[in-house]
PDB file of all heavy atoms in Angstrom:
ATOM      1  N   VAL A   1       6.941 -26.031 -18.888  1.00  0.00           N
ATOM      2  CA  VAL A   1       8.187 -25.676 -19.585  1.00  0.00           C
ATOM      3  C   VAL A   1       8.460 -26.689 -20.704  1.00  0.00           C
ATOM      4  O   VAL A   1       8.791 -26.308 -21.835  1.00  0.00           O
ATOM      5  CB  VAL A   1       9.376 -25.610 -18.603  1.00  0.00           C
ATOM      6  CG1 VAL A   1      10.689 -25.455 -19.361  1.00  0.00           C
ATOM      7  CG2 VAL A   1       9.196 -24.438 -17.639  1.00  0.00           C
ATOM      8  N   LEU A   2       8.302 -27.981 -20.402  1.00  0.00           N
ATOM      9  CA  LEU A   2       8.499 -29.008 -21.429  1.00  0.00           C
ATOM     10  C   LEU A   2       7.485 -28.847 -22.560  1.00  0.00           C
ATOM     11  O   LEU A   2       7.811 -29.055 -23.737  1.00  0.00           O
ATOM     12  CB  LEU A   2       8.380 -30.412 -20.815  1.00  0.00           C
ATOM     13  CG  LEU A   2       9.549 -30.849 -19.932  1.00  0.00           C
ATOM     14  CD1 LEU A   2       9.243 -32.172 -19.238  1.00  0.00           C
ATOM     15  CD2 LEU A   2      10.835 -30.968 -20.734  1.00  0.00           C
ATOM     16  N   GLY A   3       6.274 -28.436 -22.204  1.00  0.00           N
ATOM     17  CA  GLY A   3       5.242 -28.197 -23.224  1.00  0.00           C
ATOM     18  C   GLY A   3       5.648 -27.100 -24.190  1.00  0.00           C
ATOM     19  O   GLY A   3       5.455 -27.214 -25.411  1.00  0.00           O
ATOM     20  N   ILE A   4       6.255 -26.037 -23.650  1.00  0.00           N
ATOM     21  CA  ILE A   4       6.730 -24.941 -24.509  1.00  0.00           C
ATOM     22  C   ILE A   4       7.867 -25.425 -25.407  1.00  0.00           C
ATOM     23  O   ILE A   4       7.920 -25.111 -26.604  1.00  0.00           O
ATOM     24  CB  ILE A   4       7.201 -23.732 -23.659  1.00  0.00           C
ATOM     25  CG1 ILE A   4       6.007 -23.045 -22.995  1.00  0.00           C
ATOM     26  CG2 ILE A   4       7.986 -22.729 -24.498  1.00  0.00           C
ATOM     27  CD1 ILE A   4       5.072 -22.318 -23.939  1.00  0.00           C
ATOM     28  N   LEU A   5       8.795 -26.201 -24.843  1.00  0.00           N
ATOM     29  CA  LEU A   5       9.950 -26.672 -25.621  1.00  0.00           C
ATOM     30  C   LEU A   5       9.537 -27.546 -26.800  1.00  0.00           C
ATOM     31  O   LEU A   5      10.274 -27.685 -27.772  1.00  0.00           O
ATOM     32  CB  LEU A   5      10.925 -27.440 -24.726  1.00  0.00           C
ATOM     33  CG  LEU A   5      11.739 -26.589 -23.743  1.00  0.00           C
ATOM     34  CD1 LEU A   5      12.565 -27.476 -22.819  1.00  0.00           C
ATOM     35  CD2 LEU A   5      12.643 -25.602 -24.475  1.00  0.00           C
ATOM     36  N   GLU A   6       8.352 -28.142 -26.719  1.00  0.00           N
ATOM     37  CA  GLU A   6       7.866 -28.980 -27.825  1.00  0.00           C
ATOM     38  C   GLU A   6       7.241 -28.144 -28.940  1.00  0.00           C
ATOM     39  O   GLU A   6       6.975 -28.660 -30.020  1.00  0.00           O
ATOM     40  CB  GLU A   6       6.839 -29.993 -27.297  1.00  0.00           C
ATOM     41  CG  GLU A   6       7.479 -31.117 -26.490  1.00  0.00           C
ATOM     42  CD  GLU A   6       6.455 -31.956 -25.760  1.00  0.00           C
ATOM     43  OE1 GLU A   6       5.233 -31.738 -25.974  1.00  0.00           O
ATOM     44  OE2 GLU A   6       6.858 -32.832 -24.977  1.00  0.00           O
ATOM     45  N   LYS A   7       6.979 -26.864 -28.664  1.00  0.00           N
ATOM     46  CA  LYS A   7       6.328 -26.007 -29.670  1.00  0.00           C
ATOM     47  C   LYS A   7       7.390 -25.230 -30.439  1.00  0.00           C
ATOM     48  O   LYS A   7       7.818 -24.152 -30.022  1.00  0.00           O
ATOM     49  CB  LYS A   7       5.344 -25.060 -28.992  1.00  0.00           C
ATOM     50  CG  LYS A   7       4.173 -25.793 -28.350  1.00  0.00           C
ATOM     51  CD  LYS A   7       3.239 -24.843 -27.624  1.00  0.00           C
ATOM     52  CE  LYS A   7       2.085 -25.610 -27.000  1.00  0.00           C
ATOM     53  NZ  LYS A   7       1.294 -24.782 -26.084  1.00  0.00           N
ATOM     54  N   GLN A   8       7.821 -25.809 -31.545  1.00  0.00           N
ATOM     55  CA  GLN A   8       8.941 -25.252 -32.302  1.00  0.00           C
ATOM     56  C   GLN A   8       8.713 -23.796 -32.686  1.00  0.00           C
ATOM     57  O   GLN A   8       9.584 -22.950 -32.501  1.00  0.00           O
ATOM     58  CB  GLN A   8       9.175 -26.099 -33.554  1.00  0.00           C
ATOM     59  CG  GLN A   8      10.226 -25.512 -34.473  1.00  0.00           C
ATOM     60  CD  GLN A   8      10.774 -26.542 -35.440  1.00  0.00           C
ATOM     61  OE1 GLN A   8      10.995 -27.687 -35.069  1.00  0.00           O
ATOM     62  NE2 GLN A   8      10.992 -26.155 -36.670  1.00  0.00           N
ATOM     63  N   LEU A   9       7.537 -23.500 -33.228  1.00  0.00           N
ATOM     64  CA  LEU A   9       7.275 -22.138 -33.721  1.00  0.00           C
ATOM     65  C   LEU A   9       7.322 -21.123 -32.577  1.00  0.00           C
ATOM     66  O   LEU A   9       7.855 -20.019 -32.729  1.00  0.00           O
ATOM     67  CB  LEU A   9       5.906 -22.098 -34.420  1.00  0.00           C
ATOM     68  CG  LEU A   9       5.600 -20.854 -35.236  1.00  0.00           C
ATOM     69  CD1 LEU A   9       6.636 -20.656 -36.340  1.00  0.00           C
ATOM     70  CD2 LEU A   9       4.206 -20.930 -35.837  1.00  0.00           C
ATOM     71  N   VAL A  10       6.784 -21.494 -31.404  1.00  0.00           N
ATOM     72  CA  VAL A  10       6.782 -20.596 -30.243  1.00  0.00           C
ATOM     73  C   VAL A  10       8.216 -20.284 -29.813  1.00  0.00           C
ATOM     74  O   VAL A  10       8.584 -19.128 -29.580  1.00  0.00           O
ATOM     75  CB  VAL A  10       6.001 -21.226 -29.062  1.00  0.00           C
ATOM     76  CG1 VAL A  10       6.156 -20.392 -27.797  1.00  0.00           C
ATOM     77  CG2 VAL A  10       4.532 -21.367 -29.416  1.00  0.00           C
ATOM     78  N   VAL A  11       9.046 -21.325 -29.743  1.00  0.00           N
ATOM     79  CA  VAL A  11      10.429 -21.137 -29.269  1.00  0.00           C
ATOM     80  C   VAL A  11      11.245 -20.318 -30.267  1.00  0.00           C
ATOM     81  O   VAL A  11      11.966 -19.398 -29.889  1.00  0.00           O
ATOM     82  CB  VAL A  11      11.107 -22.499 -28.990  1.00  0.00           C
ATOM     83  CG1 VAL A  11      12.558 -22.298 -28.577  1.00  0.00           C
ATOM     84  CG2 VAL A  11      10.358 -23.257 -27.901  1.00  0.00           C
ATOM     85  N   VAL A  12      11.124 -20.648 -31.553  1.00  0.00           N
ATOM     86  CA  VAL A  12      11.864 -19.909 -32.589  1.00  0.00           C
ATOM     87  C   VAL A  12      11.452 -18.433 -32.574  1.00  0.00           C
ATOM     88  O   VAL A  12      12.296 -17.533 -32.636  1.00  0.00           O
ATOM     89  CB  VAL A  12      11.646 -20.536 -33.986  1.00  0.00           C
ATOM     90  CG1 VAL A  12      12.219 -19.647 -35.080  1.00  0.00           C
ATOM     91  CG2 VAL A  12      12.292 -21.913 -34.055  1.00  0.00           C
ATOM     92  N   SER A  13      10.145 -18.177 -32.463  1.00  0.00           N
ATOM     93  CA  SER A  13       9.651 -16.786 -32.417  1.00  0.00           C
ATOM     94  C   SER A  13      10.141 -16.068 -31.174  1.00  0.00           C
ATOM     95  O   SER A  13      10.492 -14.885 -31.219  1.00  0.00           O
ATOM     96  CB  SER A  13       8.113 -16.764 -32.445  1.00  0.00           C
ATOM     97  OG  SER A  13       7.626 -17.389 -33.599  1.00  0.00           O
ATOM     98  N   LEU A  14      10.166 -16.785 -30.046  1.00  0.00           N
ATOM     99  CA  LEU A  14      10.622 -16.201 -28.780  1.00  0.00           C
ATOM    100  C   LEU A  14      12.092 -15.800 -28.870  1.00  0.00           C
ATOM    101  O   LEU A  14      12.474 -14.688 -28.481  1.00  0.00           O
ATOM    102  CB  LEU A  14      10.405 -17.203 -27.649  1.00  0.00           C
ATOM    103  CG  LEU A  14      11.014 -16.867 -26.286  1.00  0.00           C
ATOM    104  CD1 LEU A  14      10.442 -15.562 -25.746  1.00  0.00           C
ATOM    105  CD2 LEU A  14      10.773 -18.007 -25.290  1.00  0.00           C
ATOM    106  N   VAL A  15      12.929 -16.702 -29.394  1.00  0.00           N
ATOM    107  CA  VAL A  15      14.363 -16.409 -29.528  1.00  0.00           C
ATOM    108  C   VAL A  15      14.564 -15.191 -30.425  1.00  0.00           C
ATOM    109  O   VAL A  15      15.333 -14.279 -30.109  1.00  0.00           O
ATOM    110  CB  VAL A  15      15.120 -17.638 -30.082  1.00  0.00           C
ATOM    111  CG1 VAL A  15      16.546 -17.267 -30.465  1.00  0.00           C
ATOM    112  CG2 VAL A  15      15.125 -18.774 -29.055  1.00  0.00           C
ATOM    113  N   ARG A  16      13.842 -15.158 -31.549  1.00  0.00           N
ATOM    114  CA  ARG A  16      13.983 -14.027 -32.473  1.00  0.00           C
ATOM    115  C   ARG A  16      13.531 -12.724 -31.809  1.00  0.00           C
ATOM    116  O   ARG A  16      14.160 -11.680 -31.954  1.00  0.00           O
ATOM    117  CB  ARG A  16      13.170 -14.284 -33.750  1.00  0.00           C
ATOM    118  CG  ARG A  16      13.413 -13.220 -34.826  1.00  0.00           C
ATOM    119  CD  ARG A  16      12.511 -13.375 -36.034  1.00  0.00           C
ATOM    120  NE  ARG A  16      12.780 -14.622 -36.724  1.00  0.00           N
ATOM    121  CZ  ARG A  16      11.848 -15.518 -37.032  1.00  0.00           C
ATOM    122  NH1 ARG A  16      10.585 -15.329 -36.687  1.00  0.00           N
ATOM    123  NH2 ARG A  16      12.154 -16.610 -37.680  1.00  0.00           N
ATOM    124  N   ASP A  17      12.423 -12.803 -31.056  1.00  0.00           N
ATOM    125  CA  ASP A  17      11.886 -11.610 -30.390  1.00  0.00           C
ATOM    126  C   ASP A  17      12.882 -11.053 -29.365  1.00  0.00           C
ATOM    127  O   ASP A  17      13.096  -9.841 -29.283  1.00  0.00           O
ATOM    128  CB  ASP A  17      10.561 -11.968 -29.710  1.00  0.00           C
ATOM    129  CG  ASP A  17      10.009 -10.808 -28.874  1.00  0.00           C
ATOM    130  OD1 ASP A  17       9.796  -9.726 -29.456  1.00  0.00           O
ATOM    131  OD2 ASP A  17       9.827 -10.977 -27.657  1.00  0.00           O
ATOM    132  N   ILE A  18      13.508 -11.946 -28.601  1.00  0.00           N
ATOM    133  CA  ILE A  18      14.475 -11.499 -27.586  1.00  0.00           C
ATOM    134  C   ILE A  18      15.657 -10.800 -28.263  1.00  0.00           C
ATOM    135  O   ILE A  18      16.088  -9.720 -27.843  1.00  0.00           O
ATOM    136  CB  ILE A  18      14.941 -12.689 -26.725  1.00  0.00           C
ATOM    137  CG1 ILE A  18      13.784 -13.189 -25.860  1.00  0.00           C
ATOM    138  CG2 ILE A  18      16.128 -12.297 -25.842  1.00  0.00           C
ATOM    139  CD1 ILE A  18      14.048 -14.512 -25.172  1.00  0.00           C
ATOM    140  N   LEU A  19      16.171 -11.397 -29.341  1.00  0.00           N
ATOM    141  CA  LEU A  19      17.289 -10.783 -30.061  1.00  0.00           C
ATOM    142  C   LEU A  19      16.876  -9.464 -30.700  1.00  0.00           C
ATOM    143  O   LEU A  19      17.637  -8.495 -30.695  1.00  0.00           O
ATOM    144  CB  LEU A  19      17.824 -11.751 -31.124  1.00  0.00           C
ATOM    145  CG  LEU A  19      18.581 -12.976 -30.583  1.00  0.00           C
ATOM    146  CD1 LEU A  19      18.824 -13.999 -31.681  1.00  0.00           C
ATOM    147  CD2 LEU A  19      19.911 -12.557 -29.950  1.00  0.00           C
ATOM    148  N   ASP A  20      15.643  -9.417 -31.242  1.00  0.00           N
ATOM    149  CA  ASP A  20      15.150  -8.173 -31.857  1.00  0.00           C
ATOM    150  C   ASP A  20      15.038  -7.044 -30.838  1.00  0.00           C
ATOM    151  O   ASP A  20      15.161  -5.864 -31.171  1.00  0.00           O
ATOM    152  CB  ASP A  20      13.777  -8.394 -32.523  1.00  0.00           C
ATOM    153  CG  ASP A  20      13.882  -9.174 -33.826  1.00  0.00           C
ATOM    154  OD1 ASP A  20      15.016  -9.353 -34.314  1.00  0.00           O
ATOM    155  OD2 ASP A  20      12.835  -9.613 -34.343  1.00  0.00           O
ATOM    156  N   ARG A  21      14.789  -7.413 -29.561  1.00  0.00           N
ATOM    157  CA  ARG A  21      14.692  -6.395 -28.500  1.00  0.00           C
ATOM    158  C   ARG A  21      16.075  -5.981 -27.995  1.00  0.00           C
ATOM    159  O   ARG A  21      16.185  -5.161 -27.086  1.00  0.00           O
ATOM    160  CB  ARG A  21      13.857  -6.939 -27.333  1.00  0.00           C
ATOM    161  CG  ARG A  21      12.355  -6.927 -27.593  1.00  0.00           C
ATOM    162  CD  ARG A  21      11.602  -7.269 -26.319  1.00  0.00           C
ATOM    163  NE  ARG A  21      11.448  -8.701 -26.121  1.00  0.00           N
ATOM    164  CZ  ARG A  21      11.284  -9.282 -24.927  1.00  0.00           C
ATOM    165  NH1 ARG A  21      11.288  -8.552 -23.826  1.00  0.00           N
ATOM    166  NH2 ARG A  21      11.132 -10.584 -24.841  1.00  0.00           N
ATOM    167  N   GLY A  22      17.108  -6.567 -28.583  1.00  0.00           N
ATOM    168  CA  GLY A  22      18.469  -6.192 -28.190  1.00  0.00           C
ATOM    169  C   GLY A  22      18.915  -6.821 -26.890  1.00  0.00           C
ATOM    170  O   GLY A  22      19.865  -6.358 -26.255  1.00  0.00           O
ATOM    171  N   LEU A  23      18.232  -7.879 -26.473  1.00  0.00           N
ATOM    172  CA  LEU A  23      18.584  -8.536 -25.210  1.00  0.00           C
ATOM    173  C   LEU A  23      19.470  -9.747 -25.462  1.00  0.00           C
ATOM    174  O   LEU A  23      19.417 -10.372 -26.522  1.00  0.00           O
ATOM    175  CB  LEU A  23      17.316  -9.006 -24.480  1.00  0.00           C
ATOM    176  CG  LEU A  23      16.378  -7.939 -23.917  1.00  0.00           C
ATOM    177  CD1 LEU A  23      15.115  -8.592 -23.370  1.00  0.00           C
ATOM    178  CD2 LEU A  23      17.060  -7.141 -22.816  1.00  0.00           C
ATOM    179  N   THR A  24      20.278 -10.085 -24.483  1.00  0.00           N
ATOM    180  CA  THR A  24      21.018 -11.343 -24.469  1.00  0.00           C
ATOM    181  C   THR A  24      20.356 -12.286 -23.466  1.00  0.00           C
ATOM    182  O   THR A  24      20.388 -13.493 -23.629  1.00  0.00           O
ATOM    183  CB  THR A  24      22.479 -11.098 -24.022  1.00  0.00           C
ATOM    184  OG1 THR A  24      23.017 -10.037 -24.800  1.00  0.00           O
ATOM    185  CG2 THR A  24      23.332 -12.327 -24.196  1.00  0.00           C
ATOM    186  N   VAL A  25      19.754 -11.700 -22.431  1.00  0.00           N
ATOM    187  CA  VAL A  25      19.124 -12.473 -21.363  1.00  0.00           C
ATOM    188  C   VAL A  25      17.697 -11.960 -21.164  1.00  0.00           C
ATOM    189  O   VAL A  25      17.485 -10.752 -21.028  1.00  0.00           O
ATOM    190  CB  VAL A  25      19.892 -12.311 -20.027  1.00  0.00           C
ATOM    191  CG1 VAL A  25      19.263 -13.181 -18.945  1.00  0.00           C
ATOM    192  CG2 VAL A  25      21.361 -12.655 -20.199  1.00  0.00           C
ATOM    193  N   ALA A  26      16.731 -12.880 -21.162  1.00  0.00           N
ATOM    194  CA  ALA A  26      15.350 -12.545 -20.794  1.00  0.00           C
ATOM    195  C   ALA A  26      15.040 -13.291 -19.502  1.00  0.00           C
ATOM    196  O   ALA A  26      15.230 -14.508 -19.420  1.00  0.00           O
ATOM    197  CB  ALA A  26      14.384 -12.948 -21.900  1.00  0.00           C
ATOM    198  N   ILE A  27      14.585 -12.555 -18.503  1.00  0.00           N
ATOM    199  CA  ILE A  27      14.387 -13.115 -17.158  1.00  0.00           C
ATOM    200  C   ILE A  27      12.898 -13.133 -16.822  1.00  0.00           C
ATOM    201  O   ILE A  27      12.235 -12.094 -16.835  1.00  0.00           O
ATOM    202  CB  ILE A  27      15.144 -12.265 -16.108  1.00  0.00           C
ATOM    203  CG1 ILE A  27      16.648 -12.244 -16.419  1.00  0.00           C
ATOM    204  CG2 ILE A  27      14.894 -12.804 -14.699  1.00  0.00           C
ATOM    205  CD1 ILE A  27      17.425 -11.190 -15.648  1.00  0.00           C
ATOM    206  N   GLY A  28      12.380 -14.338 -16.523  1.00  0.00           N
ATOM    207  CA  GLY A  28      10.999 -14.457 -16.068  1.00  0.00           C
ATOM    208  C   GLY A  28       9.994 -13.852 -17.021  1.00  0.00           C
ATOM    209  O   GLY A  28       9.900 -14.235 -18.192  1.00  0.00           O
TER     210      GLY A  28
END
């Protein structure tokens, strides 16, 4: 988890992807 948090591009893309899917919460 800490390894992912250090990858800026991965996290920014993930946040954008979740919002693009119309979600507020992504689980597991």
